[in-house]
Amino acid sequence: MITREEIRHLAKIDSPTGCAISFYFQPQTPQDKSHREEAILMKDLVREALRKAERQGNHQALGEDLKKISGIAEQLHGNHSRGKAIFACSEAGIWRELDVPPRLGHSLLTVNSRFHLKPLVAANSGVPRTCVALVNREKARIFELFEDGIRPLPDLYFGELPHIGKSDGFSG
């Protein structure tokens, strides 16, 4: 799970040489049992990004990050329940891997001076959040369910209950 502050931090980063890499992996239903389509698509995306970088002259700065992304992308085949987002910029010292809901539409690799964050925000905005409250006379425990994780929130204490006089029971 990524917070708004982390998204804002990524949005502020500006690479003067245009080496900010945004990689989004969208799992697809395999067409055959070999599951090779995803690996081929990832290699094509990385190869195309390297070609563009060589034409612009900043391929040395990108090469290491793109090779690392390519290695991770090869391990992603068979992961059909979770998407993946990677933000890398070696000159700014950033490498951030995130599991995201599989709502990205298609896999994408973008190299620019800034990170491409629109798919990340769109994928996280549609995820429902749920709260579970366990309440008794003394306190309430609240848990937040988001994506695949459960996070406890601070407990609420009610303090002393007021003393009520004698009761006549149900019929009183």
C-alpha atoms as a PDB file:
ATOM      1  CA  MET A   1       0.000   0.000   0.000  1.00  0.00           C
ATOM      2  CA  ILE A   2       1.334   3.430  -0.886  1.00  0.00           C
ATOM      3  CA  THR A   3       0.344   6.562   0.958  1.00  0.00           C
ATOM      4  CA  ARG A   4      -0.492   9.954  -0.497  1.00  0.00           C
ATOM      5  CA  GLU A   5       2.699  11.385   0.968  1.00  0.00           C
ATOM      6  CA  GLU A   6       4.781   8.794  -0.887  1.00  0.00           C
ATOM      7  CA  ILE A   7       2.955   9.576  -4.133  1.00  0.00           C
ATOM      8  CA  ARG A   8       3.605  13.285  -3.573  1.00  0.00           C
ATOM      9  CA  HIS A   9       7.281  12.538  -2.908  1.00  0.00           C
ATOM     10  CA  LEU A  10       7.538  10.580  -6.179  1.00  0.00           C
ATOM     11  CA  ALA A  11       5.742  13.397  -8.017  1.00  0.00           C
ATOM     12  CA  LYS A  12       8.297  15.974  -6.828  1.00  0.00           C
ATOM     13  CA  ILE A  13      11.289  14.097  -8.258  1.00  0.00           C
ATOM     14  CA  ASP A  14      12.673  15.575 -11.449  1.00  0.00           C
ATOM     15  CA  SER A  15      15.494  13.888 -13.368  1.00  0.00           C
ATOM     16  CA  PRO A  16      17.440  16.424 -15.461  1.00  0.00           C
ATOM     17  CA  THR A  17      18.784  13.682 -17.763  1.00  0.00           C
ATOM     18  CA  GLY A  18      15.367  12.030 -18.189  1.00  0.00           C
ATOM     19  CA  CYS A  19      16.175   8.803 -16.322  1.00  0.00           C
ATOM     20  CA  ALA A  20      13.010   8.374 -14.225  1.00  0.00           C
ATOM     21  CA  ILE A  21      11.579   4.927 -15.053  1.00  0.00           C
ATOM     22  CA  SER A  22       7.966   3.980 -14.362  1.00  0.00           C
ATOM     23  CA  PHE A  23       7.118   0.312 -14.909  1.00  0.00           C
ATOM     24  CA  TYR A  24       3.615  -1.110 -14.534  1.00  0.00           C
ATOM     25  CA  PHE A  25       2.878  -4.830 -14.869  1.00  0.00           C
ATOM     26  CA  GLN A  26      -0.699  -5.848 -15.593  1.00  0.00           C
ATOM     27  CA  PRO A  27      -1.308  -9.604 -15.314  1.00  0.00           C
ATOM     28  CA  GLN A  28      -3.101 -11.105 -18.290  1.00  0.00           C
ATOM     29  CA  THR A  29      -4.935 -14.393 -18.752  1.00  0.00           C
ATOM     30  CA  PRO A  30      -2.456 -16.688 -20.524  1.00  0.00           C
ATOM     31  CA  GLN A  31      -3.312 -17.827 -24.046  1.00  0.00           C
ATOM     32  CA  ASP A  32      -1.475 -21.144 -23.679  1.00  0.00           C
ATOM     33  CA  LYS A  33       0.239 -23.235 -21.017  1.00  0.00           C
ATOM     34  CA  SER A  34       3.722 -21.920 -21.707  1.00  0.00           C
ATOM     35  CA  HIS A  35       2.941 -18.477 -20.180  1.00  0.00           C
ATOM     36  CA  ARG A  36       5.650 -16.963 -22.404  1.00  0.00           C
ATOM     37  CA  GLU A  37       3.616 -14.011 -23.704  1.00  0.00           C
ATOM     38  CA  GLU A  38       4.148 -11.918 -20.564  1.00  0.00           C
ATOM     39  CA  ALA A  39       7.928 -12.498 -20.562  1.00  0.00           C
ATOM     40  CA  ILE A  40       8.174 -11.634 -24.265  1.00  0.00           C
ATOM     41  CA  LEU A  41       6.105  -8.465 -23.765  1.00  0.00           C
ATOM     42  CA  MET A  42       8.301  -7.346 -20.849  1.00  0.00           C
ATOM     43  CA  LYS A  43      11.513  -7.937 -22.819  1.00  0.00           C
ATOM     44  CA  ASP A  44      10.087  -5.975 -25.751  1.00  0.00           C
ATOM     45  CA  LEU A  45       9.191  -3.047 -23.478  1.00  0.00           C
ATOM     46  CA  VAL A  46      12.693  -2.984 -21.946  1.00  0.00           C
ATOM     47  CA  ARG A  47      14.395  -3.347 -25.343  1.00  0.00           C
ATOM     48  CA  GLU A  48      12.360  -0.474 -26.804  1.00  0.00           C
ATOM     49  CA  ALA A  49      13.180   1.752 -23.805  1.00  0.00           C
ATOM     50  CA  LEU A  50      16.899   0.981 -24.239  1.00  0.00           C
ATOM     51  CA  ARG A  51      16.723   1.867 -27.945  1.00  0.00           C
ATOM     52  CA  LYS A  52      15.098   5.215 -27.185  1.00  0.00           C
ATOM     53  CA  ALA A  53      17.677   5.920 -24.482  1.00  0.00           C
ATOM     54  CA  GLU A  54      20.563   5.168 -26.851  1.00  0.00           C
ATOM     55  CA  ARG A  55      19.152   7.627 -29.389  1.00  0.00           C
ATOM     56  CA  GLN A  56      18.934  10.323 -26.706  1.00  0.00           C
ATOM     57  CA  GLY A  57      22.392   9.550 -25.317  1.00  0.00           C
ATOM     58  CA  ASN A  58      21.500   8.650 -21.725  1.00  0.00           C
ATOM     59  CA  HIS A  59      21.577   4.861 -22.060  1.00  0.00           C
ATOM     60  CA  GLN A  60      24.358   4.352 -19.483  1.00  0.00           C
ATOM     61  CA  ALA A  61      22.293   5.848 -16.674  1.00  0.00           C
ATOM     62  CA  LEU A  62      19.252   3.770 -17.599  1.00  0.00           C
ATOM     63  CA  GLY A  63      20.942   0.471 -18.444  1.00  0.00           C
ATOM     64  CA  GLU A  64      21.387  -0.826 -14.916  1.00  0.00           C
ATOM     65  CA  ASP A  65      17.834   0.042 -13.814  1.00  0.00           C
ATOM     66  CA  LEU A  66      16.298  -1.465 -16.968  1.00  0.00           C
ATOM     67  CA  LYS A  67      18.297  -4.693 -16.543  1.00  0.00           C
ATOM     68  CA  LYS A  68      17.090  -4.952 -12.951  1.00  0.00           C
ATOM     69  CA  ILE A  69      13.483  -4.371 -14.064  1.00  0.00           C
ATOM     70  CA  SER A  70      13.900  -6.989 -16.795  1.00  0.00           C
ATOM     71  CA  GLY A  71      15.098  -9.529 -14.219  1.00  0.00           C
ATOM     72  CA  ILE A  72      12.114  -8.838 -11.978  1.00  0.00           C
ATOM     73  CA  ALA A  73       9.706  -8.970 -14.933  1.00  0.00           C
ATOM     74  CA  GLU A  74      10.905 -12.476 -15.819  1.00  0.00           C
ATOM     75  CA  GLN A  75       9.909 -13.656 -12.334  1.00  0.00           C
ATOM     76  CA  LEU A  76       6.409 -12.173 -12.571  1.00  0.00           C
ATOM     77  CA  HIS A  77       4.929 -14.777 -14.922  1.00  0.00           C
ATOM     78  CA  GLY A  78       2.244 -16.829 -13.215  1.00  0.00           C
ATOM     79  CA  ASN A  79       1.336 -13.958 -10.879  1.00  0.00           C
ATOM     80  CA  HIS A  80      -2.201 -13.374 -12.091  1.00  0.00           C
ATOM     81  CA  SER A  81      -3.725 -11.885  -8.961  1.00  0.00           C
ATOM     82  CA  ARG A  82      -1.452  -8.886  -8.359  1.00  0.00           C
ATOM     83  CA  GLY A  83      -0.098  -6.128 -10.523  1.00  0.00           C
ATOM     84  CA  LYS A  84       3.324  -4.610  -9.985  1.00  0.00           C
ATOM     85  CA  ALA A  85       4.631  -1.057 -10.149  1.00  0.00           C
ATOM     86  CA  ILE A  86       8.318  -0.139 -10.062  1.00  0.00           C
ATOM     87  CA  PHE A  87       9.729   3.381  -9.905  1.00  0.00           C
ATOM     88  CA  ALA A  88      13.475   3.698 -10.476  1.00  0.00           C
ATOM     89  CA  CYS A  89      15.892   6.571 -10.879  1.00  0.00           C
ATOM     90  CA  SER A  90      19.523   5.729 -10.141  1.00  0.00           C
ATOM     91  CA  GLU A  91      20.680   9.351 -10.193  1.00  0.00           C
ATOM     92  CA  ALA A  92      18.136  10.240  -7.473  1.00  0.00           C
ATOM     93  CA  GLY A  93      18.765   6.980  -5.589  1.00  0.00           C
ATOM     94  CA  ILE A  94      15.197   5.743  -5.922  1.00  0.00           C
ATOM     95  CA  TRP A  95      14.021   2.167  -6.309  1.00  0.00           C
ATOM     96  CA  ARG A  96      10.433   1.569  -5.197  1.00  0.00           C
ATOM     97  CA  GLU A  97       8.519  -1.676  -5.856  1.00  0.00           C
ATOM     98  CA  LEU A  98       4.791  -1.825  -5.136  1.00  0.00           C
ATOM     99  CA  ASP A  99       2.111  -4.471  -5.409  1.00  0.00           C
ATOM    100  CA  VAL A 100      -0.947  -2.871  -6.957  1.00  0.00           C
ATOM    101  CA  PRO A 101      -4.449  -4.102  -7.771  1.00  0.00           C
ATOM    102  CA  PRO A 102      -4.672  -5.601 -11.279  1.00  0.00           C
ATOM    103  CA  ARG A 103      -6.633  -2.643 -12.695  1.00  0.00           C
ATOM    104  CA  LEU A 104      -3.989  -0.992 -14.815  1.00  0.00           C
ATOM    105  CA  GLY A 105      -5.360  -2.010 -18.203  1.00  0.00           C
ATOM    106  CA  HIS A 106      -2.042  -3.057 -19.771  1.00  0.00           C
ATOM    107  CA  SER A 107       1.657  -3.308 -18.952  1.00  0.00           C
ATOM    108  CA  LEU A 108       3.602  -0.105 -19.457  1.00  0.00           C
ATOM    109  CA  LEU A 109       7.202   1.115 -19.264  1.00  0.00           C
ATOM    110  CA  THR A 110       7.819   4.872 -19.366  1.00  0.00           C
ATOM    111  CA  VAL A 111      11.155   6.699 -19.289  1.00  0.00           C
ATOM    112  CA  ASN A 112      10.916  10.432 -18.713  1.00  0.00           C
ATOM    113  CA  SER A 113      12.196  13.226 -16.518  1.00  0.00           C
ATOM    114  CA  ARG A 114       9.308  12.598 -14.089  1.00  0.00           C
ATOM    115  CA  PHE A 115       7.549   9.445 -12.917  1.00  0.00           C
ATOM    116  CA  HIS A 116       4.287   8.491 -14.645  1.00  0.00           C
ATOM    117  CA  LEU A 117       1.911   8.228 -11.639  1.00  0.00           C
ATOM    118  CA  LYS A 118      -1.543   8.426 -13.219  1.00  0.00           C
ATOM    119  CA  PRO A 119      -2.029   4.613 -13.528  1.00  0.00           C
ATOM    120  CA  LEU A 120      -0.972   4.152  -9.893  1.00  0.00           C
ATOM    121  CA  VAL A 121      -3.461   6.703  -8.603  1.00  0.00           C
ATOM    122  CA  ALA A 122      -6.242   5.244 -10.777  1.00  0.00           C
ATOM    123  CA  ALA A 123      -5.515   1.691  -9.611  1.00  0.00           C
ATOM    124  CA  ASN A 124      -5.515   2.633  -5.919  1.00  0.00           C
ATOM    125  CA  SER A 125      -8.564   4.903  -6.040  1.00  0.00           C
ATOM    126  CA  GLY A 126     -10.970   2.083  -6.880  1.00  0.00           C
ATOM    127  CA  VAL A 127      -9.880  -0.218  -4.044  1.00  0.00           C
ATOM    128  CA  PRO A 128     -12.552  -0.413  -1.344  1.00  0.00           C
ATOM    129  CA  ARG A 129     -11.596   0.153   2.279  1.00  0.00           C
ATOM    130  CA  THR A 130     -13.466  -1.632   5.030  1.00  0.00           C
ATOM    131  CA  CYS A 131     -13.468  -1.157   8.790  1.00  0.00           C
ATOM    132  CA  VAL A 132     -14.311  -3.799  11.367  1.00  0.00           C
ATOM    133  CA  ALA A 133     -15.300  -2.671  14.861  1.00  0.00           C
ATOM    134  CA  LEU A 134     -15.311  -4.920  17.924  1.00  0.00           C
ATOM    135  CA  VAL A 135     -17.198  -3.143  20.701  1.00  0.00           C
ATOM    136  CA  ASN A 136     -17.902  -4.053  24.315  1.00  0.00           C
ATOM    137  CA  ARG A 137     -18.836  -1.940  27.357  1.00  0.00           C
ATOM    138  CA  GLU A 138     -15.318  -0.746  28.066  1.00  0.00           C
ATOM    139  CA  LYS A 139     -13.600  -0.236  24.727  1.00  0.00           C
ATOM    140  CA  ALA A 140     -13.849  -0.518  20.969  1.00  0.00           C
ATOM    141  CA  ARG A 141     -11.171  -2.073  18.740  1.00  0.00           C
ATOM    142  CA  ILE A 142     -11.177  -0.966  15.117  1.00  0.00           C
ATOM    143  CA  PHE A 143      -9.378  -2.680  12.235  1.00  0.00           C
ATOM    144  CA  GLU A 144      -8.955  -1.386   8.689  1.00  0.00           C
ATOM    145  CA  LEU A 145      -9.020  -3.884   5.816  1.00  0.00           C
ATOM    146  CA  PHE A 146      -7.291  -2.571   2.714  1.00  0.00           C
ATOM    147  CA  GLU A 147      -6.185  -4.730  -0.222  1.00  0.00           C
ATOM    148  CA  ASP A 148      -4.667  -7.820   1.401  1.00  0.00           C
ATOM    149  CA  GLY A 149      -3.720  -6.388   4.787  1.00  0.00           C
ATOM    150  CA  ILE A 150      -5.359  -5.766   8.139  1.00  0.00           C
ATOM    151  CA  ARG A 151      -4.173  -2.749  10.119  1.00  0.00           C
ATOM    152  CA  PRO A 152      -5.280  -2.065  13.707  1.00  0.00           C
ATOM    153  CA  LEU A 153      -6.307   1.494  14.514  1.00  0.00           C
ATOM    154  CA  PRO A 154      -6.017   3.016  18.004  1.00  0.00           C
ATOM    155  CA  ASP A 155      -8.468   1.603  20.533  1.00  0.00           C
ATOM    156  CA  LEU A 156     -11.286   3.741  21.898  1.00  0.00           C
ATOM    157  CA  TYR A 157     -11.901   3.626  25.663  1.00  0.00           C
ATOM    158  CA  PHE A 158     -15.278   4.636  27.018  1.00  0.00           C
ATOM    159  CA  GLY A 159     -14.313   5.058  30.694  1.00  0.00           C
ATOM    160  CA  GLU A 160     -16.623   4.444  33.614  1.00  0.00           C
ATOM    161  CA  LEU A 161     -20.270   3.780  32.850  1.00  0.00           C
ATOM    162  CA  PRO A 162     -22.775   5.826  34.825  1.00  0.00           C
ATOM    163  CA  HIS A 163     -24.431   3.944  37.681  1.00  0.00           C
ATOM    164  CA  ILE A 164     -28.122   3.473  37.048  1.00  0.00           C
ATOM    165  CA  GLY A 165     -30.429   2.719  39.965  1.00  0.00           C
ATOM    166  CA  LYS A 166     -32.194  -0.502  40.692  1.00  0.00           C
ATOM    167  CA  SER A 167     -33.758  -2.213  37.716  1.00  0.00           C
ATOM    168  CA  ASP A 168     -37.044  -4.013  37.784  1.00  0.00           C
ATOM    169  CA  GLY A 169     -35.939  -6.439  35.091  1.00  0.00           C
ATOM    170  CA  PHE A 170     -37.625  -6.931  31.742  1.00  0.00           C
ATOM    171  CA  SER A 171     -41.143  -6.265  32.925  1.00  0.00           C
ATOM    172  CA  GLY A 172     -40.318  -3.234  35.042  1.00  0.00           C
END
